[in-house]
């Protein structure tokens, strides 16, 4: 599974997750099967002269986005393309990846459920 994190600047797995998905200059991807991280620049997602990361990330196989904030249009486009959008909890890529693996993140926009996470 490919998970995606919008970030303001690349600091590896210690990168801070942005609070504005649509304005992220880059996206860290993580393949759960291979445990490999990757980097996609927003400018590389432009296919028709404008960047629409929601659709382009889905086209690249992203199945889950973990973000600090997202507008309703981008959220709907991701969901329409079968991408699950989760609310970041700590705002650090490696920590929220672990939170996701533990089932401690919530679907974006919903009330937080019960979780045994300490963070």
Protein backbone atom coordinates (compact mmCIF):
# COMPACT_ATOMS: atom_id res chain seq x y z
CA UNK A 1 0.00 0.00 0.00
CA UNK A 2 1.22 3.50 -0.81
CA UNK A 3 0.74 6.16 1.88
CA UNK A 4 1.30 9.85 1.18
CA UNK A 5 2.18 12.74 3.49
CA UNK A 6 2.06 16.38 2.25
CA UNK A 7 5.02 18.30 3.70
CA UNK A 8 6.31 21.87 3.47
CA UNK A 9 9.96 20.82 3.23
CA UNK A 10 11.76 17.51 2.91
CA UNK A 11 13.48 16.35 6.10
CA UNK A 12 13.15 12.63 5.45
CA UNK A 13 10.84 10.73 7.77
CA UNK A 14 11.22 13.54 10.32
CA UNK A 15 9.43 15.96 7.97
CA UNK A 16 6.57 18.01 9.36
CA UNK A 17 3.19 17.29 7.80
CA UNK A 18 1.61 20.43 6.37
CA UNK A 19 -1.73 21.84 7.48
CA UNK A 20 -2.62 22.76 3.89
CA UNK A 21 -2.66 19.72 1.59
CA UNK A 22 -3.29 21.67 -1.62
CA UNK A 23 -0.38 24.06 -1.05
CA UNK A 24 2.21 21.41 -0.19
CA UNK A 25 5.35 21.80 -2.31
CA UNK A 26 6.18 18.13 -1.91
CA UNK A 27 4.79 14.80 -0.80
CA UNK A 28 6.55 11.94 0.96
CA UNK A 29 5.33 8.51 -0.08
CA UNK A 30 5.81 5.29 1.85
CA UNK A 31 5.30 1.79 0.46
CA UNK A 32 4.19 -0.51 3.28
CA UNK A 33 5.19 -3.67 1.37
CA UNK A 34 8.78 -2.63 0.62
CA UNK A 35 9.17 -0.11 3.47
CA UNK A 36 10.61 2.35 0.96
CA UNK A 37 10.06 6.10 1.17
CA UNK A 38 9.90 8.37 -1.84
CA UNK A 39 9.49 12.04 -2.66
CA UNK A 40 7.20 13.68 -5.18
CA UNK A 41 7.39 17.40 -5.91
CA UNK A 42 4.06 19.14 -6.54
CA UNK A 43 5.46 20.68 -9.73
CA UNK A 44 5.99 17.14 -11.08
CA UNK A 45 2.28 16.40 -10.66
CA UNK A 46 1.28 19.01 -13.23
CA UNK A 47 -0.21 17.36 -16.28
CA UNK A 48 -2.37 20.10 -17.80
CA UNK A 49 -0.61 23.27 -16.72
CA UNK A 50 -2.00 23.27 -13.19
CA UNK A 51 -1.33 21.06 -10.22
CA UNK A 52 -4.18 18.98 -8.91
CA UNK A 53 -2.42 16.75 -6.39
CA UNK A 54 -5.61 14.93 -5.38
CA UNK A 55 -6.13 13.32 -8.77
CA UNK A 56 -2.48 12.92 -9.71
CA UNK A 57 -1.52 11.22 -6.44
CA UNK A 58 -4.43 8.80 -6.86
CA UNK A 59 -3.23 8.11 -10.42
CA UNK A 60 0.21 7.25 -8.97
CA UNK A 61 -1.29 4.57 -6.73
CA UNK A 62 -1.62 6.45 -3.45
CA UNK A 63 -4.23 4.70 -1.29
CA UNK A 64 -3.97 6.74 1.93
CA UNK A 65 -3.18 10.41 2.56
CA UNK A 66 -2.26 11.52 6.07
CA UNK A 67 -2.54 15.29 6.37
CA UNK A 68 -2.89 18.07 8.91
CA UNK A 69 -5.50 19.94 6.89
CA UNK A 70 -7.38 19.69 3.61
CA UNK A 71 -10.12 21.64 1.87
CA UNK A 72 -13.47 20.09 0.98
CA UNK A 73 -12.77 20.02 -2.76
CA UNK A 74 -9.47 18.16 -2.45
CA UNK A 75 -10.96 15.84 0.15
CA UNK A 76 -13.86 14.97 -2.14
CA UNK A 77 -11.57 14.40 -5.16
CA UNK A 78 -9.38 12.04 -3.14
CA UNK A 79 -12.39 10.12 -1.84
CA UNK A 80 -13.90 9.98 -5.35
CA UNK A 81 -10.66 8.30 -6.47
CA UNK A 82 -10.72 5.73 -3.67
CA UNK A 83 -8.09 7.39 -1.47
CA UNK A 84 -8.63 7.30 2.29
CA UNK A 85 -7.77 10.58 4.04
CA UNK A 86 -6.60 10.44 7.63
CA UNK A 87 -6.05 13.23 10.16
CA UNK A 88 -2.42 13.55 11.27
CA UNK A 89 -2.05 13.23 15.01
CA UNK A 90 1.50 14.38 15.83
CA UNK A 91 2.35 16.10 12.56
CA UNK A 92 5.65 14.23 12.06
CA UNK A 93 5.77 11.73 9.19
CA UNK A 94 7.45 8.81 11.01
CA UNK A 95 5.27 9.22 14.12
CA UNK A 96 2.01 9.45 12.20
CA UNK A 97 3.04 6.48 10.04
CA UNK A 98 3.35 4.46 13.25
CA UNK A 99 0.05 5.88 14.51
CA UNK A 100 -1.58 4.76 11.25
CA UNK A 101 -0.11 1.25 11.55
CA UNK A 102 -1.50 1.03 15.11
CA UNK A 103 -4.93 2.21 13.94
CA UNK A 104 -4.64 5.41 15.96
CA UNK A 105 -5.56 7.92 13.26
CA UNK A 106 -9.08 8.92 12.39
CA UNK A 107 -10.71 9.45 9.04
CA UNK A 108 -10.40 13.14 8.22
CA UNK A 109 -13.33 15.20 9.43
CA UNK A 110 -14.73 12.67 11.90
CA UNK A 111 -14.62 12.74 15.68
CA UNK A 112 -11.62 11.03 17.16
CA UNK A 113 -12.35 7.49 18.28
CA UNK A 114 -10.92 5.46 21.12
CA UNK A 115 -7.23 4.71 20.84
CA UNK A 116 -4.50 3.33 23.07
CA UNK A 117 -1.87 5.66 21.61
CA UNK A 118 0.15 7.66 24.09
CA UNK A 119 0.81 10.63 21.79
